[in-house]
C-alpha atoms as a PDB file:
ATOM      1  CA  THR A   1     141.492  26.227  75.986  1.00  0.00           C
ATOM      2  CA  VAL A   2     143.403  24.469  78.739  1.00  0.00           C
ATOM      3  CA  GLU A   3     144.668  28.192  79.742  1.00  0.00           C
ATOM      4  CA  ASP A   4     141.016  29.364  80.203  1.00  0.00           C
ATOM      5  CA  ALA A   5     140.251  26.397  82.121  1.00  0.00           C
ATOM      6  CA  ILE A   6     143.188  26.888  84.449  1.00  0.00           C
ATOM      7  CA  ARG A   7     142.025  30.528  84.773  1.00  0.00           C
ATOM      8  CA  GLU A   8     138.501  29.735  85.797  1.00  0.00           C
ATOM      9  CA  LEU A   9     139.981  27.307  88.356  1.00  0.00           C
ATOM     10  CA  PHE A  10     142.373  29.906  89.652  1.00  0.00           C
ATOM     11  CA  ASP A  11     139.377  32.405  90.016  1.00  0.00           C
ATOM     12  CA  ALA A  12     137.495  29.834  92.011  1.00  0.00           C
ATOM     13  CA  TYR A  13     140.248  29.856  94.525  1.00  0.00           C
ATOM     14  CA  ASP A  14     140.685  33.445  94.557  1.00  0.00           C
ATOM     15  CA  VAL A  15     137.950  34.211  96.879  1.00  0.00           C
ATOM     16  CA  ASP A  16     138.726  37.861  97.363  1.00  0.00           C
ATOM     17  CA  GLY A  17     139.161  38.667  93.902  1.00  0.00           C
ATOM     18  CA  ASN A  18     142.516  40.392  94.459  1.00  0.00           C
ATOM     19  CA  GLY A  19     144.433  38.259  91.723  1.00  0.00           C
ATOM     20  CA  ASP A  20     146.363  36.172  93.928  1.00  0.00           C
ATOM     21  CA  ILE A  21     145.574  33.033  96.202  1.00  0.00           C
ATOM     22  CA  ASP A  22     146.675  33.392  99.525  1.00  0.00           C
ATOM     23  CA  GLU A  23     147.346  30.496 102.065  1.00  0.00           C
ATOM     24  CA  SER A  24     143.901  30.801 103.804  1.00  0.00           C
ATOM     25  CA  GLU A  25     142.143  30.863 100.496  1.00  0.00           C
ATOM     26  CA  PHE A  26     144.111  27.856  99.338  1.00  0.00           C
ATOM     27  CA  PHE A  27     143.953  25.670 102.583  1.00  0.00           C
ATOM     28  CA  LYS A  28     140.217  26.093 103.215  1.00  0.00           C
ATOM     29  CA  LEU A  29     139.340  25.200  99.743  1.00  0.00           C
ATOM     30  CA  GLU A  30     141.808  22.188  99.468  1.00  0.00           C
ATOM     31  CA  MET A  31     140.499  20.895 102.834  1.00  0.00           C
ATOM     32  CA  LYS A  32     136.730  21.222 102.020  1.00  0.00           C
ATOM     33  CA  MET A  33     137.352  19.426  98.597  1.00  0.00           C
ATOM     34  CA  CYS A  34     139.347  16.806 100.055  1.00  0.00           C
ATOM     35  CA  ILE A  35     136.796  16.037 102.524  1.00  0.00           C
ATOM     36  CA  GLY A  36     133.998  16.246  99.902  1.00  0.00           C
ATOM     37  CA  ARG A  37     135.747  13.728  97.944  1.00  0.00           C
ATOM     38  CA  GLY A  38     136.097  11.569 101.059  1.00  0.00           C
ATOM     39  CA  GLU A  39     139.699  11.990 101.095  1.00  0.00           C
ATOM     40  CA  VAL A  40     142.139  12.813 104.119  1.00  0.00           C
ATOM     41  CA  PHE A  41     143.509  15.994 104.106  1.00  0.00           C
ATOM     42  CA  ASP A  42     147.220  16.360 104.913  1.00  0.00           C
ATOM     43  CA  PRO A  43     147.999  19.874 106.047  1.00  0.00           C
ATOM     44  CA  LYS A  44     151.780  19.110 106.100  1.00  0.00           C
ATOM     45  CA  ALA A  45     151.676  17.965 102.401  1.00  0.00           C
ATOM     46  CA  GLU A  46     149.427  20.862 101.318  1.00  0.00           C
ATOM     47  CA  GLN A  47     151.874  23.414 103.021  1.00  0.00           C
ATOM     48  CA  ALA A  48     154.801  21.719 101.048  1.00  0.00           C
ATOM     49  CA  ALA A  49     152.771  22.083  97.817  1.00  0.00           C
ATOM     50  CA  PHE A  50     151.928  25.911  98.509  1.00  0.00           C
ATOM     51  CA  THR A  51     155.407  26.641  99.456  1.00  0.00           C
ATOM     52  CA  LEU A  52     156.812  24.787  96.391  1.00  0.00           C
ATOM     53  CA  THR A  53     154.341  26.692  94.247  1.00  0.00           C
ATOM     54  CA  ASP A  54     155.091  30.018  95.763  1.00  0.00           C
ATOM     55  CA  GLY A  55     157.955  30.639  93.617  1.00  0.00           C
ATOM     56  CA  ASP A  56     158.807  34.152  94.681  1.00  0.00           C
ATOM     57  CA  ARG A  57     157.955  33.468  98.563  1.00  0.00           C
ATOM     58  CA  SER A  58     155.495  36.268  98.391  1.00  0.00           C
ATOM     59  CA  GLY A  59     152.987  34.182 100.563  1.00  0.00           C
ATOM     60  CA  THR A  60     150.602  34.040  97.771  1.00  0.00           C
ATOM     61  CA  MET A  61     150.069  32.344  94.511  1.00  0.00           C
ATOM     62  CA  SER A  62     149.889  34.140  91.320  1.00  0.00           C
ATOM     63  CA  PHE A  63     148.071  32.944  88.372  1.00  0.00           C
ATOM     64  CA  ASP A  64     151.301  32.169  86.683  1.00  0.00           C
ATOM     65  CA  GLU A  65     152.367  29.981  89.696  1.00  0.00           C
ATOM     66  CA  PHE A  66     149.264  28.386  89.913  1.00  0.00           C
ATOM     67  CA  ARG A  67     149.188  27.581  86.070  1.00  0.00           C
ATOM     68  CA  ASP A  68     152.852  26.096  86.222  1.00  0.00           C
ATOM     69  CA  ARG A  69     151.527  23.835  89.166  1.00  0.00           C
ATOM     70  CA  LYS A  70     148.570  22.580  87.194  1.00  0.00           C
ATOM     71  CA  MET A  71     150.542  22.110  83.887  1.00  0.00           C
ATOM     72  CA  ARG A  72     153.300  20.094  85.803  1.00  0.00           C
ATOM     73  CA  PHE A  73     150.348  17.844  87.352  1.00  0.00           C
ATOM     74  CA  ILE A  74     149.150  17.251  83.803  1.00  0.00           C
ATOM     75  CA  THR A  75     152.333  16.931  81.879  1.00  0.00           C
ATOM     76  CA  GLY A  76     152.877  13.387  82.856  1.00  0.00           C
ATOM     77  CA  GLN A  77     149.194  12.283  82.434  1.00  0.00           C
ATOM     78  CA  ARG A  78     149.092  12.046  78.741  1.00  0.00           C
ATOM     79  CA  TRP A  79     145.631  13.505  78.554  1.00  0.00           C
ATOM     80  CA  SER A  80     144.100  14.832  75.477  1.00  0.00           C
ATOM     81  CA  PRO A  81     143.684  18.696  75.881  1.00  0.00           C
ATOM     82  CA  GLU A  82     139.793  18.028  75.825  1.00  0.00           C
ATOM     83  CA  HIS A  83     140.168  15.709  78.897  1.00  0.00           C
ATOM     84  CA  VAL A  84     142.413  18.095  80.538  1.00  0.00           C
ATOM     85  CA  ILE A  85     139.936  20.858  80.083  1.00  0.00           C
ATOM     86  CA  SER A  86     137.133  18.617  81.363  1.00  0.00           C
ATOM     87  CA  VAL A  87     139.212  17.744  84.569  1.00  0.00           C
ATOM     88  CA  PHE A  88     139.798  21.489  85.260  1.00  0.00           C
ATOM     89  CA  LYS A  89     136.275  22.481  84.741  1.00  0.00           C
ATOM     90  CA  GLU A  90     135.295  19.718  87.029  1.00  0.00           C
ATOM     91  CA  MET A  91     137.564  20.842  89.653  1.00  0.00           C
ATOM     92  CA  THR A  92     136.215  24.530  89.139  1.00  0.00           C
ATOM     93  CA  GLU A  93     132.606  23.215  89.790  1.00  0.00           C
ATOM     94  CA  GLN A  94     133.606  21.383  92.958  1.00  0.00           C
ATOM     95  CA  ALA A  95     135.616  24.626  94.273  1.00  0.00           C
ATOM     96  CA  MET A  96     132.555  26.665  93.612  1.00  0.00           C
ATOM     97  CA  ALA A  97     130.174  24.268  95.110  1.00  0.00           C
ATOM     98  CA  GLU A  98     132.358  24.172  98.369  1.00  0.00           C
ATOM     99  CA  ARG A  99     132.676  27.808  98.285  1.00  0.00           C
ATOM    100  CA  LYS A 100     128.699  28.018  98.159  1.00  0.00           C
ATOM    101  CA  LYS A 101     128.538  25.858 101.283  1.00  0.00           C
ATOM    102  CA  MET A 102     130.931  27.733 103.093  1.00  0.00           C
ATOM    103  CA  GLY A 103     128.663  30.884 102.945  1.00  0.00           C
ATOM    104  CA  PRO A 104     128.296  34.408 101.517  1.00  0.00           C
ATOM    105  CA  ARG A 105     131.865  35.722 102.427  1.00  0.00           C
ATOM    106  CA  TRP A 106     133.055  32.586 100.336  1.00  0.00           C
ATOM    107  CA  HIS A 107     130.487  32.746  97.641  1.00  0.00           C
ATOM    108  CA  PRO A 108     129.128  36.148  96.853  1.00  0.00           C
END
């Protein structure tokens, strides 16, 4: 399901496995994934995205906050559920590949 695909992506970002994504986890993976795609990493834009997603201002992203962010992203895309799942699975694979490159602390 779409929810399962988002959960897998969330788990890929949640490096320490504590159930939340902190700023360090988010920024390091976002930066590595942007660079891996040949895109420019914009720290100000990513900070704004993190702040907007962190609805309770805890300094971390819960699964619900992360899911809501991803659902807002796909809502305007008019993609089939199958395509949405494939996009999230591809993102998960990219995140895990970047974690592996970052060493054992990031990829146990």
